[in-house]
Structure formats: C-alpha cells, structure tokens
Amino acid sequence: MNDRSDAVANWKEAIVASGGALLRHAIVEVPADSAGWIDSGVDLKAGETVTLLSAGNVRVSEDPDIHFSGHMFLWRRIGTNGPIAKSAAPTSTFEASSSGRLMFVAQYPGAWLDETGSFAPDWPRSAASGVLSVAVLVWKEAASEGLAIFAARDKSGLGSEEHNRFLAPVLPPRGWTHLWRTGETEIYREQFEATDGRHIVCRCSADAGILKYPVDIALDETTHLAWRWRMLQLPSRVGEDSGPTHDYLSIAVEFENGLDLTYMWSAALPVGTAFRCPLPWWDKRETHQVVRSGLAELGQWRHEDQKILADYKTAIGGVPPARIVGVWLIAVAALQRGRGECDYQGIELRSAGESVMIGP
C-alpha cells in the first residue's frame, strides 16, 4: 500500500478502537481535479470541536517536478456560504463557527473570488492531480481528551502529531492575522531572546503563507517602510523570477487599489531588480523589488528604509494609490521544497503626518 492508503487503514482501526470518544466521523476522498466543493457527509453543530487528519500530495507539474503537501491545498467550509479556511498542517483542530454540512475542496491558495469559497473567474485552471484522504473526527467531549484516546490507537502517527499541536499551538505574532486568501500556516511566531529582544520568527519548510497587519496610512513622498531583518537561510539558491524557482521571503505593503509591492532578499538577483510575480493570478497584482542579495550577509541583522511612493512609481508605474491598507510578511518555500529562515524586528510605517509601529 502507499502512504495514503496506509494512513486510511490506520485511521479506520483507530476510529473503531476509540469510537466512544466520537460523536461522528468520516473518511473523505478529495480529488485535486475537482471542479467544485466535495460533500463530506458530516453535519456539524455550532460549537462542536472537529479534528482533521490528511494524507496525500497534489502535483501540478511533471517537468519540472512541482508537487505540494496536501494540506496546502485542503480547504474547508461549513455550508455553502463559507467562510473558507485552510488546514495549517496535515493535522488541524477547529471549533465549528456555525451549523451545517462540512465541505472540502483541494484548491490553490489564492484562487478565491471571496471568503465564501467562490472561485476567482480569472484564476487559471491549470491541471492538478492527486487525491487527499481526510479523516473527520467530531469529538463528544474536550478535544484534548479525544485526541489522547485516538492518538494511542492510531499507528499513522498523525493523531499524536495533532495531540501535540493542540496542546502547544503555534500562534501568529500579536496584531497579525493570516491572509484569508492564502489561509493559516504555522510559519510565523513571536519570540524573545536575551540578546536580540522581541522579534518575529519565520521558519518555512516546503510551505507558503502570508501574514497581514492592517493599517490605514496615506501614501505620499514622505511615506517610508523601515525594518530590521536577519536572514538565516534563503529558500532558493537561484534567481526567484521564474515560476519554478519563485521561493522567497519578503515584507510587503498592500495598497488600496488591490496591488502589493514586496521587498525581498534575493539569492542571486541584483539589488534594484523589480519584476512582476511569475505565478498565475498574482502576476496581475504583485510586484517584487530586490533590496538585498546574496549569501554574504546571512545571519546578520540588517536595517532597511524604503521610500514607498518612489518605489511604486519605478517598480509598478501608473497612477499611484492614495493609501496603504496593510503590511504583509510573505514566505514561499513550496516550489523547490526547501527551507527559508528569517527574523524581523522594528517594522515601522511612517510619513510626515503619522507613524505606525508594527511590532514587535
């Protein structure tokens, strides 16, 4: 048997052995080439706690070989009107926010028209293959108790992984939220060190995600974005301006016109290079600008200070927007399935009239 079928067999045994802890359960097959949402057959009531275990991969290209862990594509919603949510890892636990039928789809992060789960009409329907197997476990009592019972009987190991995750969750830094369009991850956290103080830690392995800090500040000639970062490991060793090699770490500003400009540390592209995102859909909305390059300064804190309006005019062009509505942290290490590591500190968005400290 392959890993996915092995996992399913182990889940079935564990479900039978721990049935007394479960209100309802199901094992659902979610094909990556589905044209719409898949009915799990499980009805949820608001307030019920649900654990999802997933196994499988999604392949989007044979040459070059590009495939992703299934959780990056696994989205859920309750009923037909959302809101949608993505699994942060191959295992996850959540509380049902409303009553209704649990639905799944395997879809690219970002392929959405809105938070209800309608597909964006301009999202390219490129072929994807693979099947995700998902165990749905609805607990009778506290999830920690149910997971402990299930984990002791689950030979796949995923039950134990989720039990540990549930007891020690990875939370985003204060004030930051996961960008709904790309879903939850466990990439970022806040950390304190005696030598470096409080800072944001990014650790991304074969994954991708975006955090957002909402702001509302005017964009004019005096508007700057300043920050300190310590790049420890770049997720790519080659230029990031092609689709298959577009793994990078960056900080970005989101504008009221729906565009964003990201400041990245490149492995090989010269400082000052600006290019549109090479990925579908994002190529109409996102522009990258290289502010630091190469490996020589890895492991060292570096300070940046960018004049946003001047950068917008040079990198994006056209009539500039009037306001900035968000600051993002972006991590992509999924395409080459590598690892990126970076720390951020002292993020500040300022202009002549106002200043926003975006901690820590």
Protein backbone atom coordinates (compact mmCIF):
# COMPACT_ATOMS: atom_id res chain seq x y z
CA MET A 1 0.00 0.00 0.00
CA ASN A 2 1.09 3.62 -0.47
CA ASP A 3 1.38 6.09 2.38
CA ARG A 4 -2.12 7.47 1.85
CA SER A 5 -3.85 4.08 1.89
CA ASP A 6 -1.74 3.03 4.88
CA ALA A 7 -2.90 6.12 6.74
CA VAL A 8 -6.55 5.44 5.91
CA ALA A 9 -6.29 1.84 7.12
CA ASN A 10 -4.73 3.00 10.38
CA TRP A 11 -7.38 5.69 10.87
CA LYS A 12 -10.18 3.16 10.40
CA GLU A 13 -8.70 0.91 13.07
CA ALA A 14 -8.22 3.82 15.47
CA ILE A 15 -11.78 5.06 14.89
CA VAL A 16 -13.20 1.66 15.81
CA ALA A 17 -10.95 1.43 18.88
CA SER A 18 -11.83 4.92 20.14
CA GLY A 19 -15.42 5.17 18.98
CA GLY A 20 -16.66 6.07 22.44
CA ALA A 21 -14.88 9.44 22.18
CA LEU A 22 -16.50 10.36 18.86
CA LEU A 23 -19.85 11.92 18.06
CA ARG A 24 -19.43 11.46 14.32
CA HIS A 25 -16.67 10.55 11.93
CA ALA A 26 -15.93 10.06 8.25
CA ILE A 27 -13.07 9.47 5.85
CA VAL A 28 -13.41 11.63 2.75
CA GLU A 29 -11.58 11.45 -0.57
CA VAL A 30 -10.89 14.89 -2.04
CA PRO A 31 -9.56 14.81 -5.64
CA ALA A 32 -7.29 17.64 -6.71
CA ASP A 33 -9.06 17.95 -10.08
CA SER A 34 -12.50 18.52 -8.57
CA ALA A 35 -14.48 21.30 -10.24
CA GLY A 36 -16.30 22.15 -7.02
CA TRP A 37 -16.73 21.53 -3.33
CA ILE A 38 -16.92 17.94 -2.02
CA ASP A 39 -19.65 16.95 0.44
CA SER A 40 -18.08 15.23 3.46
CA GLY A 41 -21.39 13.71 4.57
CA VAL A 42 -20.82 15.16 8.05
CA ASP A 43 -23.22 17.67 9.59
CA LEU A 44 -21.74 19.91 12.25
CA LYS A 45 -23.39 21.89 15.01
CA ALA A 46 -22.05 25.26 16.09
CA GLY A 47 -19.56 24.85 18.93
CA GLU A 48 -18.58 21.27 18.14
CA THR A 49 -14.85 20.55 18.01
CA VAL A 50 -13.50 18.79 14.92
CA THR A 51 -10.11 17.29 14.11
CA LEU A 52 -8.96 16.76 10.54
CA LEU A 53 -6.15 14.38 9.58
CA SER A 54 -4.98 14.46 5.96
CA ALA A 55 -2.68 12.40 3.78
CA GLY A 56 -1.70 12.78 0.13
CA ASN A 57 0.01 15.17 -2.25
CA VAL A 58 -1.03 17.44 -5.10
CA ARG A 59 1.09 17.51 -8.25
CA VAL A 60 0.89 20.47 -10.61
CA SER A 61 3.81 19.74 -12.92
CA GLU A 62 5.81 16.69 -14.02
CA ASP A 63 8.68 18.62 -15.62
CA PRO A 64 9.81 20.43 -13.63
CA ASP A 65 8.60 18.29 -10.75
CA ILE A 66 6.35 20.53 -8.65
CA HIS A 67 4.19 18.94 -6.01
CA PHE A 68 2.86 20.05 -2.65
CA SER A 69 1.90 18.53 0.64
CA GLY A 70 -1.85 18.07 0.52
CA HIS A 71 -2.62 20.35 3.48
CA MET A 72 -1.51 23.35 1.39
CA PHE A 73 -4.49 22.67 -0.89
CA LEU A 74 -7.02 21.44 1.66
CA TRP A 75 -9.78 24.00 2.24
CA ARG A 76 -12.98 23.62 4.20
CA ARG A 77 -16.20 25.47 4.81
CA ILE A 78 -19.45 24.81 6.65
CA GLY A 79 -22.49 25.04 4.40
CA THR A 80 -22.47 26.80 1.05
CA ASN A 81 -21.58 30.34 2.12
CA GLY A 82 -18.28 29.96 3.95
CA PRO A 83 -16.23 31.40 5.41
CA ILE A 84 -13.43 29.29 3.99
CA ALA A 85 -10.44 28.07 5.98
CA LYS A 86 -7.27 26.13 5.14
CA SER A 87 -5.54 23.50 7.20
CA ALA A 88 -2.34 24.91 8.69
CA ALA A 89 -0.68 21.49 8.70
CA PRO A 90 -1.52 17.88 7.75
CA THR A 91 -3.49 17.84 11.01
CA SER A 92 -5.72 20.52 12.49
CA THR A 93 -8.48 21.03 15.05
CA PHE A 94 -11.16 23.72 14.95
CA GLU A 95 -14.44 24.69 16.56
CA ALA A 96 -17.45 24.86 14.23
CA SER A 97 -18.49 28.51 13.99
CA SER A 98 -21.93 27.62 12.62
CA SER A 99 -24.16 24.63 11.94
CA GLY A 100 -24.20 22.94 8.55
CA ARG A 101 -22.63 20.38 6.24
CA LEU A 102 -18.83 20.21 6.23
CA MET A 103 -17.43 20.66 2.71
CA PHE A 104 -13.92 20.26 1.27
CA VAL A 105 -12.04 21.25 -1.85
CA ALA A 106 -8.42 20.85 -2.97
CA GLN A 107 -7.53 24.23 -4.43
CA TYR A 108 -4.58 26.55 -4.92
CA PRO A 109 -4.05 29.11 -2.14
CA GLY A 110 -5.27 32.40 -3.55
CA ALA A 111 -7.76 31.01 -6.07
CA TRP A 112 -10.71 32.77 -4.48
CA LEU A 113 -13.18 35.43 -5.50
CA ASP A 114 -14.32 35.98 -1.92
CA GLU A 115 -14.29 34.45 1.54
CA THR A 116 -17.37 32.32 0.85
CA GLY A 117 -15.34 30.00 -1.38
CA SER A 118 -16.38 31.13 -4.85
CA PHE A 119 -13.58 30.60 -7.35
CA ALA A 120 -11.98 33.69 -8.90
CA PRO A 121 -13.02 33.84 -12.57
CA ASP A 122 -9.55 34.92 -13.69
CA TRP A 123 -7.76 32.12 -11.84
CA PRO A 124 -6.17 29.82 -14.44
CA ARG A 125 -7.50 26.29 -14.24
CA SER A 126 -4.13 24.58 -14.67
CA ALA A 127 -4.16 20.83 -14.31
CA ALA A 128 -3.53 19.35 -10.89
CA SER A 129 -3.51 15.68 -9.98
CA GLY A 130 -3.67 13.69 -6.79
CA VAL A 131 -6.16 12.70 -4.12
CA LEU A 132 -6.27 13.78 -0.49
CA SER A 133 -7.67 11.44 2.13
CA VAL A 134 -9.17 13.29 5.08
CA ALA A 135 -10.31 11.83 8.40
CA VAL A 136 -13.07 13.89 10.05
CA LEU A 137 -13.31 13.33 13.81
CA VAL A 138 -16.06 15.13 15.75
CA TRP A 139 -15.44 14.85 19.49
CA LYS A 140 -18.01 14.15 22.19
CA GLU A 141 -16.06 15.92 24.92
CA ALA A 142 -12.91 18.04 25.05
CA ALA A 143 -10.69 17.62 22.00
CA SER A 144 -7.61 17.08 24.17
CA GLU A 145 -9.21 14.04 25.78
CA GLY A 146 -10.50 12.62 22.50
CA LEU A 147 -7.18 13.17 20.75
CA ALA A 148 -5.29 11.42 23.57
CA ILE A 149 -7.52 8.38 23.19
CA PHE A 150 -7.32 8.36 19.40
CA ALA A 151 -3.57 9.01 19.29
CA ALA A 152 -2.85 5.99 21.48
CA ARG A 153 -4.58 3.80 18.91
CA ASP A 154 -3.52 5.49 15.64
CA LYS A 155 -0.50 3.82 14.05
CA SER A 156 -0.21 6.52 11.37
CA GLY A 157 1.28 8.90 13.93
CA LEU A 158 -0.90 11.78 12.76
CA GLY A 159 -3.15 11.53 15.79
CA SER A 160 -0.13 12.03 18.06
CA GLU A 161 1.07 14.94 15.92
CA GLU A 162 -2.27 16.69 16.29
CA HIS A 163 -2.48 15.98 20.00
CA ASN A 164 0.91 17.68 20.45
CA ARG A 165 -0.08 20.57 18.18
CA PHE A 166 -3.33 21.07 20.06
CA LEU A 167 -1.57 21.25 23.42
CA ALA A 168 1.11 23.69 22.15
CA PRO A 169 -0.39 25.68 19.25
CA VAL A 170 1.75 27.96 17.08
CA LEU A 171 0.08 31.38 17.17
CA PRO A 172 0.79 34.32 14.85
CA PRO A 173 2.52 37.38 16.34
CA ARG A 174 0.27 39.85 18.15
CA GLY A 175 -1.67 42.12 15.80
CA TRP A 176 -1.02 39.93 12.75
CA THR A 177 -3.52 37.61 11.08
CA HIS A 178 -3.23 35.06 8.31
CA LEU A 179 -4.24 36.48 4.96
CA TRP A 180 -7.58 34.79 4.31
CA ARG A 181 -6.75 34.24 0.65
CA THR A 182 -3.77 32.00 1.41
CA GLY A 183 -5.01 30.51 4.69
CA GLU A 184 -3.49 29.53 8.01
CA THR A 185 0.07 28.29 8.45
CA GLU A 186 2.49 27.64 11.29
CA ILE A 187 5.33 29.57 9.68
CA TYR A 188 5.45 32.65 11.93
CA ARG A 189 5.61 33.20 15.67
CA GLU A 190 6.77 35.82 18.15
CA GLN A 191 9.93 35.13 20.14
CA PHE A 192 12.03 36.79 22.82
CA GLU A 193 15.79 36.34 23.13
CA ALA A 194 18.04 37.95 25.73
CA THR A 195 20.49 39.19 23.10
CA ASP A 196 18.06 40.26 20.35
CA GLY A 197 14.90 41.19 22.24
CA ARG A 198 11.43 40.50 20.94
CA HIS A 199 11.10 39.73 17.24
CA ILE A 200 9.09 37.79 14.68
CA VAL A 201 10.46 34.40 13.68
CA CYS A 202 9.80 32.91 10.23
CA ARG A 203 10.59 29.24 9.71
CA CYS A 204 9.22 27.87 6.44
CA SER A 205 9.85 24.34 5.14
CA ALA A 206 8.18 23.23 1.89
CA ASP A 207 5.26 25.53 2.70
CA ALA A 208 3.95 29.02 1.96
CA GLY A 209 1.95 31.67 3.77
CA ILE A 210 1.22 35.36 4.24
CA LEU A 211 0.61 37.32 7.43
CA LYS A 212 -1.16 40.69 7.34
CA TYR A 213 -1.03 43.65 9.71
CA PRO A 214 -3.90 46.03 8.85
CA VAL A 215 -3.06 49.74 8.57
CA ASP A 216 -4.58 52.85 7.03
CA ILE A 217 -1.96 55.45 6.17
CA ALA A 218 -1.63 57.98 3.37
CA LEU A 219 0.87 57.31 0.57
CA ASP A 220 2.91 60.37 -0.36
CA GLU A 221 6.53 61.40 -0.94
CA THR A 222 7.28 61.17 2.79
CA THR A 223 5.98 57.62 3.31
CA HIS A 224 8.65 55.11 4.34
CA LEU A 225 8.71 51.46 5.37
CA ALA A 226 11.58 50.66 7.72
CA TRP A 227 12.50 47.35 9.31
CA ARG A 228 15.33 45.16 10.56
CA TRP A 229 15.73 41.59 9.40
CA ARG A 230 18.16 38.76 9.91
CA MET A 231 18.11 36.33 7.01
CA LEU A 232 19.37 32.95 8.17
CA GLN A 233 18.56 30.78 5.17
CA LEU A 234 17.17 31.60 1.73
CA PRO A 235 14.63 29.14 0.31
CA SER A 236 16.13 29.40 -3.20
CA ARG A 237 19.72 29.33 -4.39
CA VAL A 238 18.91 30.78 -7.82
CA GLY A 239 17.02 33.80 -9.15
CA GLU A 240 13.43 33.84 -7.95
CA ASP A 241 11.91 35.48 -11.04
CA SER A 242 10.62 32.28 -12.68
CA GLY A 243 7.62 30.18 -11.68
CA PRO A 244 9.50 27.00 -10.69
CA THR A 245 12.10 28.94 -8.64
CA HIS A 246 9.82 31.54 -7.03
CA ASP A 247 10.69 30.69 -3.43
CA TYR A 248 11.49 33.76 -1.34
CA LEU A 249 10.99 35.65 1.94
CA SER A 250 9.83 39.26 1.91
CA ILE A 251 7.99 42.12 3.58
CA ALA A 252 5.30 43.88 1.56
CA VAL A 253 2.94 46.83 1.52
CA GLU A 254 -0.64 46.38 0.30
CA PHE A 255 -2.33 49.31 -1.44
CA GLU A 256 -5.98 50.31 -1.61
CA ASN A 257 -6.05 49.52 -5.36
CA GLY A 258 -5.52 45.80 -4.70
CA LEU A 259 -1.83 45.77 -5.68
CA ASP A 260 1.11 45.00 -3.42
CA LEU A 261 4.84 45.68 -3.54
CA THR A 262 7.14 43.22 -1.80
CA TYR A 263 10.70 43.91 -0.70
CA MET A 264 12.72 40.73 -0.94
CA TRP A 265 16.16 39.37 -0.16
CA SER A 266 17.21 37.51 -3.30
CA ALA A 267 19.67 34.68 -3.64
CA ALA A 268 21.06 35.93 -6.95
CA LEU A 269 19.13 38.85 -8.48
CA PRO A 270 20.88 42.26 -8.29
CA VAL A 271 19.70 44.86 -5.79
CA GLY A 272 17.21 47.17 -7.51
CA THR A 273 15.73 44.44 -9.70
CA ALA A 274 11.95 44.74 -9.95
CA PHE A 275 9.67 42.16 -11.55
CA ARG A 276 6.07 41.05 -11.58
CA CYS A 277 5.27 37.89 -9.68
CA PRO A 278 5.70 34.98 -12.12
CA LEU A 279 2.82 32.97 -10.62
CA PRO A 280 -0.67 32.99 -12.19
CA TRP A 281 -3.22 35.47 -10.80
CA TRP A 282 -0.56 37.12 -8.63
CA ASP A 283 1.15 38.39 -11.79
CA LYS A 284 -1.63 40.95 -12.15
CA ARG A 285 -1.39 42.12 -8.55
CA GLU A 286 2.07 41.65 -7.06
CA THR A 287 5.44 43.22 -7.84
CA HIS A 288 8.77 42.31 -6.24
CA GLN A 289 11.73 44.59 -5.63
CA VAL A 290 15.12 43.26 -4.54
CA VAL A 291 16.59 45.29 -1.66
CA ARG A 292 19.33 42.86 -0.62
CA SER A 293 21.02 39.98 -2.42
CA GLY A 294 23.38 37.08 -1.93
CA LEU A 295 24.62 34.93 0.93
CA ALA A 296 27.42 37.06 2.38
CA GLU A 297 25.26 38.79 5.00
CA LEU A 298 23.23 35.80 6.14
CA GLY A 299 22.92 35.60 9.91
CA GLN A 300 23.44 39.35 10.42
CA TRP A 301 20.81 41.91 11.39
CA ARG A 302 20.34 44.45 8.59
CA HIS A 303 18.30 47.66 8.54
CA GLU A 304 16.20 48.75 5.55
CA ASP A 305 14.36 52.01 4.85
CA GLN A 306 12.35 52.28 1.63
CA LYS A 307 10.59 55.30 0.09
CA ILE A 308 7.38 53.60 -0.93
CA LEU A 309 5.95 56.11 -3.41
CA ALA A 310 9.22 56.36 -5.33
CA ASP A 311 9.47 52.56 -5.39
CA TYR A 312 5.86 52.29 -6.58
CA LYS A 313 6.49 54.66 -9.48
CA THR A 314 9.63 52.80 -10.53
CA ALA A 315 8.59 49.19 -9.97
CA ILE A 316 4.85 49.30 -10.74
CA GLY A 317 4.12 52.55 -12.55
CA GLY A 318 0.82 54.18 -13.41
CA VAL A 319 -1.32 56.34 -11.17
CA PRO A 320 -0.33 55.60 -7.58
CA PRO A 321 -2.95 54.83 -4.94
CA ALA A 322 -3.69 57.26 -2.14
CA ARG A 323 -3.42 54.90 0.81
CA ILE A 324 -1.65 51.84 2.19
CA VAL A 325 -4.00 49.33 3.82
CA GLY A 326 -1.72 46.56 5.01
CA VAL A 327 1.78 45.31 5.71
CA TRP A 328 2.50 41.68 4.84
CA LEU A 329 5.12 39.11 5.70
CA ILE A 330 5.46 36.57 2.89
CA ALA A 331 7.18 33.19 2.90
CA VAL A 332 7.31 30.77 -0.02
CA ALA A 333 9.41 27.61 0.10
CA ALA A 334 6.96 25.22 -1.56
CA LEU A 335 8.03 25.16 -5.20
CA GLN A 336 11.54 23.77 -4.68
CA ARG A 337 10.51 22.24 -1.33
CA GLY A 338 13.37 23.90 0.51
CA ARG A 339 13.59 25.90 3.72
CA GLY A 340 13.68 29.61 4.45
CA GLU A 341 14.51 31.21 7.82
CA CYS A 342 14.30 34.89 8.72
CA ASP A 343 13.75 37.12 11.77
CA TYR A 344 12.02 40.53 11.66
CA GLN A 345 12.12 43.40 14.12
CA GLY A 346 11.31 47.11 14.38
CA ILE A 347 8.86 47.30 11.49
CA GLU A 348 7.67 50.88 11.08
CA LEU A 349 5.43 52.56 8.51
CA ARG A 350 5.76 56.33 8.71
CA SER A 351 5.10 59.56 6.88
CA ALA A 352 5.39 63.25 7.73
CA GLY A 353 1.99 63.19 9.40
CA GLU A 354 1.84 59.83 11.15
CA SER A 355 3.74 56.74 12.17
CA VAL A 356 2.67 53.15 12.82
CA MET A 357 4.94 50.80 14.76
CA ILE A 358 4.24 47.27 13.62
CA GLY A 359 5.78 45.27 16.41
CA PRO A 360 7.48 43.76 17.98
